[in-house]
């Protein structure tokens, strides 16, 4: 045996291990798809759900659409009433000016 060369017996186990390793994002060795079945099912479910939502929207009457818009506007108005406007102290404005000057 020459110096620096390994016998084939010692290399064979290493090649078996290396063959099983793959880079993230590369195709699986068995030729299957990249996504697990759960992700594929979720994608099909979301696509089907959006399609049904579009069908429902297009088949609704104008009156039903108007009622939904009124309900949504009312909901937005109720949420805006809950939100308190922030009151800033003079020190807050000074800090904001300092941060803006540092960015320029």
C-alpha atoms as a PDB file:
ATOM      1  CA  UNK A   1       0.000   0.000   0.000  1.00  0.00           C
ATOM      2  CA  UNK A   2       1.359   3.419  -0.964  1.00  0.00           C
ATOM      3  CA  UNK A   3       1.341   6.332   1.394  1.00  0.00           C
ATOM      4  CA  UNK A   4      -1.829   8.523   1.196  1.00  0.00           C
ATOM      5  CA  UNK A   5      -3.965   5.933  -0.612  1.00  0.00           C
ATOM      6  CA  UNK A   6      -6.698   4.153   1.310  1.00  0.00           C
ATOM      7  CA  UNK A   7      -7.686   0.580   0.551  1.00  0.00           C
ATOM      8  CA  UNK A   8     -11.063   0.158  -1.136  1.00  0.00           C
ATOM      9  CA  UNK A   9     -12.453  -1.548   1.953  1.00  0.00           C
ATOM     10  CA  UNK A  10     -12.232   1.702   3.915  1.00  0.00           C
ATOM     11  CA  UNK A  11     -13.789   3.872   1.181  1.00  0.00           C
ATOM     12  CA  UNK A  12     -16.878   1.743   0.461  1.00  0.00           C
ATOM     13  CA  UNK A  13     -18.699   2.516   3.739  1.00  0.00           C
ATOM     14  CA  UNK A  14     -18.062   6.228   3.201  1.00  0.00           C
ATOM     15  CA  UNK A  15     -19.555   6.225  -0.299  1.00  0.00           C
ATOM     16  CA  UNK A  16     -22.713   4.542   0.985  1.00  0.00           C
ATOM     17  CA  UNK A  17     -23.112   7.281   3.575  1.00  0.00           C
ATOM     18  CA  UNK A  18     -22.401  10.071   1.076  1.00  0.00           C
ATOM     19  CA  UNK A  19     -24.942   8.701  -1.432  1.00  0.00           C
ATOM     20  CA  UNK A  20     -27.716   9.084   1.144  1.00  0.00           C
ATOM     21  CA  UNK A  21     -26.900  12.730   1.833  1.00  0.00           C
ATOM     22  CA  UNK A  22     -28.506  15.424  -0.288  1.00  0.00           C
ATOM     23  CA  UNK A  23     -28.456  19.192  -0.258  1.00  0.00           C
ATOM     24  CA  UNK A  24     -31.461  21.096   1.061  1.00  0.00           C
ATOM     25  CA  UNK A  25     -33.838  21.934  -1.767  1.00  0.00           C
ATOM     26  CA  UNK A  26     -32.445  19.273  -4.115  1.00  0.00           C
ATOM     27  CA  UNK A  27     -34.645  16.573  -5.613  1.00  0.00           C
ATOM     28  CA  UNK A  28     -35.103  13.462  -3.489  1.00  0.00           C
ATOM     29  CA  UNK A  29     -33.084  10.450  -4.514  1.00  0.00           C
ATOM     30  CA  UNK A  30     -36.182   8.308  -5.085  1.00  0.00           C
ATOM     31  CA  UNK A  31     -37.437  10.667  -7.816  1.00  0.00           C
ATOM     32  CA  UNK A  32     -40.500  11.783  -5.819  1.00  0.00           C
ATOM     33  CA  UNK A  33     -41.878  15.267  -5.618  1.00  0.00           C
ATOM     34  CA  UNK A  34     -40.231  17.934  -3.502  1.00  0.00           C
ATOM     35  CA  UNK A  35     -43.221  18.804  -1.337  1.00  0.00           C
ATOM     36  CA  UNK A  36     -44.488  16.519   1.381  1.00  0.00           C
ATOM     37  CA  UNK A  37     -48.043  15.313   0.920  1.00  0.00           C
ATOM     38  CA  UNK A  38     -49.343  17.590   3.672  1.00  0.00           C
ATOM     39  CA  UNK A  39     -48.142  20.680   1.817  1.00  0.00           C
ATOM     40  CA  UNK A  40     -49.618  19.477  -1.457  1.00  0.00           C
ATOM     41  CA  UNK A  41     -52.974  18.852   0.185  1.00  0.00           C
ATOM     42  CA  UNK A  42     -52.890  22.269   1.818  1.00  0.00           C
ATOM     43  CA  UNK A  43     -52.116  23.932  -1.520  1.00  0.00           C
ATOM     44  CA  UNK A  44     -54.981  22.099  -3.237  1.00  0.00           C
ATOM     45  CA  UNK A  45     -57.311  22.998  -0.358  1.00  0.00           C
ATOM     46  CA  UNK A  46     -56.403  26.698  -0.521  1.00  0.00           C
ATOM     47  CA  UNK A  47     -56.786  26.808  -4.298  1.00  0.00           C
ATOM     48  CA  UNK A  48     -60.180  25.099  -4.127  1.00  0.00           C
ATOM     49  CA  UNK A  49     -61.298  27.427  -1.329  1.00  0.00           C
ATOM     50  CA  UNK A  50     -60.351  30.549  -3.317  1.00  0.00           C
ATOM     51  CA  UNK A  51     -62.117  29.193  -6.391  1.00  0.00           C
ATOM     52  CA  UNK A  52     -65.300  28.597  -4.408  1.00  0.00           C
ATOM     53  CA  UNK A  53     -65.078  32.085  -2.895  1.00  0.00           C
ATOM     54  CA  UNK A  54     -64.835  33.582  -6.377  1.00  0.00           C
ATOM     55  CA  UNK A  55     -67.834  31.581  -7.546  1.00  0.00           C
ATOM     56  CA  UNK A  56     -69.867  32.747  -4.556  1.00  0.00           C
ATOM     57  CA  UNK A  57     -68.914  36.385  -5.142  1.00  0.00           C
ATOM     58  CA  UNK A  58     -69.847  36.266  -8.827  1.00  0.00           C
ATOM     59  CA  UNK A  59     -73.189  34.556  -8.217  1.00  0.00           C
ATOM     60  CA  UNK A  60     -74.357  36.930  -5.455  1.00  0.00           C
ATOM     61  CA  UNK A  61     -76.959  39.523  -6.178  1.00  0.00           C
ATOM     62  CA  UNK A  62     -76.160  43.221  -6.003  1.00  0.00           C
ATOM     63  CA  UNK A  63     -78.310  43.605  -2.888  1.00  0.00           C
ATOM     64  CA  UNK A  64     -76.314  40.944  -1.018  1.00  0.00           C
ATOM     65  CA  UNK A  65     -73.059  42.637  -2.009  1.00  0.00           C
ATOM     66  CA  UNK A  66     -74.345  45.998  -0.760  1.00  0.00           C
ATOM     67  CA  UNK A  67     -75.389  44.497   2.572  1.00  0.00           C
ATOM     68  CA  UNK A  68     -71.958  42.907   3.009  1.00  0.00           C
ATOM     69  CA  UNK A  69     -70.264  46.240   2.255  1.00  0.00           C
ATOM     70  CA  UNK A  70     -72.433  47.991   4.833  1.00  0.00           C
ATOM     71  CA  UNK A  71     -71.586  45.356   7.445  1.00  0.00           C
ATOM     72  CA  UNK A  72     -67.861  45.671   6.713  1.00  0.00           C
ATOM     73  CA  UNK A  73     -67.975  49.466   6.884  1.00  0.00           C
ATOM     74  CA  UNK A  74     -69.744  49.251  10.222  1.00  0.00           C
ATOM     75  CA  UNK A  75     -67.111  46.827  11.496  1.00  0.00           C
ATOM     76  CA  UNK A  76     -64.297  49.154  10.434  1.00  0.00           C
ATOM     77  CA  UNK A  77     -66.020  52.099  12.124  1.00  0.00           C
ATOM     78  CA  UNK A  78     -66.375  50.112  15.368  1.00  0.00           C
ATOM     79  CA  UNK A  79     -62.702  49.125  15.288  1.00  0.00           C
ATOM     80  CA  UNK A  80     -61.618  52.715  14.659  1.00  0.00           C
ATOM     81  CA  UNK A  81     -63.573  53.867  17.702  1.00  0.00           C
ATOM     82  CA  UNK A  82     -61.700  51.392  19.884  1.00  0.00           C
ATOM     83  CA  UNK A  83     -58.262  52.548  18.801  1.00  0.00           C
ATOM     84  CA  UNK A  84     -57.006  55.438  20.869  1.00  0.00           C
ATOM     85  CA  UNK A  85     -54.896  57.991  19.115  1.00  0.00           C
ATOM     86  CA  UNK A  86     -51.381  58.157  20.465  1.00  0.00           C
ATOM     87  CA  UNK A  87     -50.317  61.317  22.183  1.00  0.00           C
ATOM     88  CA  UNK A  88     -46.651  62.126  21.848  1.00  0.00           C
ATOM     89  CA  UNK A  89     -44.570  64.037  24.336  1.00  0.00           C
ATOM     90  CA  UNK A  90     -42.071  66.680  23.144  1.00  0.00           C
ATOM     91  CA  UNK A  91     -39.249  64.266  24.001  1.00  0.00           C
ATOM     92  CA  UNK A  92     -40.717  61.736  21.561  1.00  0.00           C
ATOM     93  CA  UNK A  93     -40.563  64.252  18.716  1.00  0.00           C
ATOM     94  CA  UNK A  94     -36.953  65.063  19.604  1.00  0.00           C
ATOM     95  CA  UNK A  95     -36.038  61.387  19.523  1.00  0.00           C
ATOM     96  CA  UNK A  96     -37.750  60.940  16.140  1.00  0.00           C
ATOM     97  CA  UNK A  97     -35.862  63.900  14.664  1.00  0.00           C
ATOM     98  CA  UNK A  98     -32.576  62.496  15.953  1.00  0.00           C
ATOM     99  CA  UNK A  99     -33.230  59.105  14.376  1.00  0.00           C
ATOM    100  CA  UNK A 100     -34.212  60.714  11.073  1.00  0.00           C
ATOM    101  CA  UNK A 101     -31.038  62.841  11.007  1.00  0.00           C
ATOM    102  CA  UNK A 102     -28.886  59.769  11.630  1.00  0.00           C
ATOM    103  CA  UNK A 103     -30.428  57.963   8.657  1.00  0.00           C
ATOM    104  CA  UNK A 104     -29.653  60.813   6.252  1.00  0.00           C
END
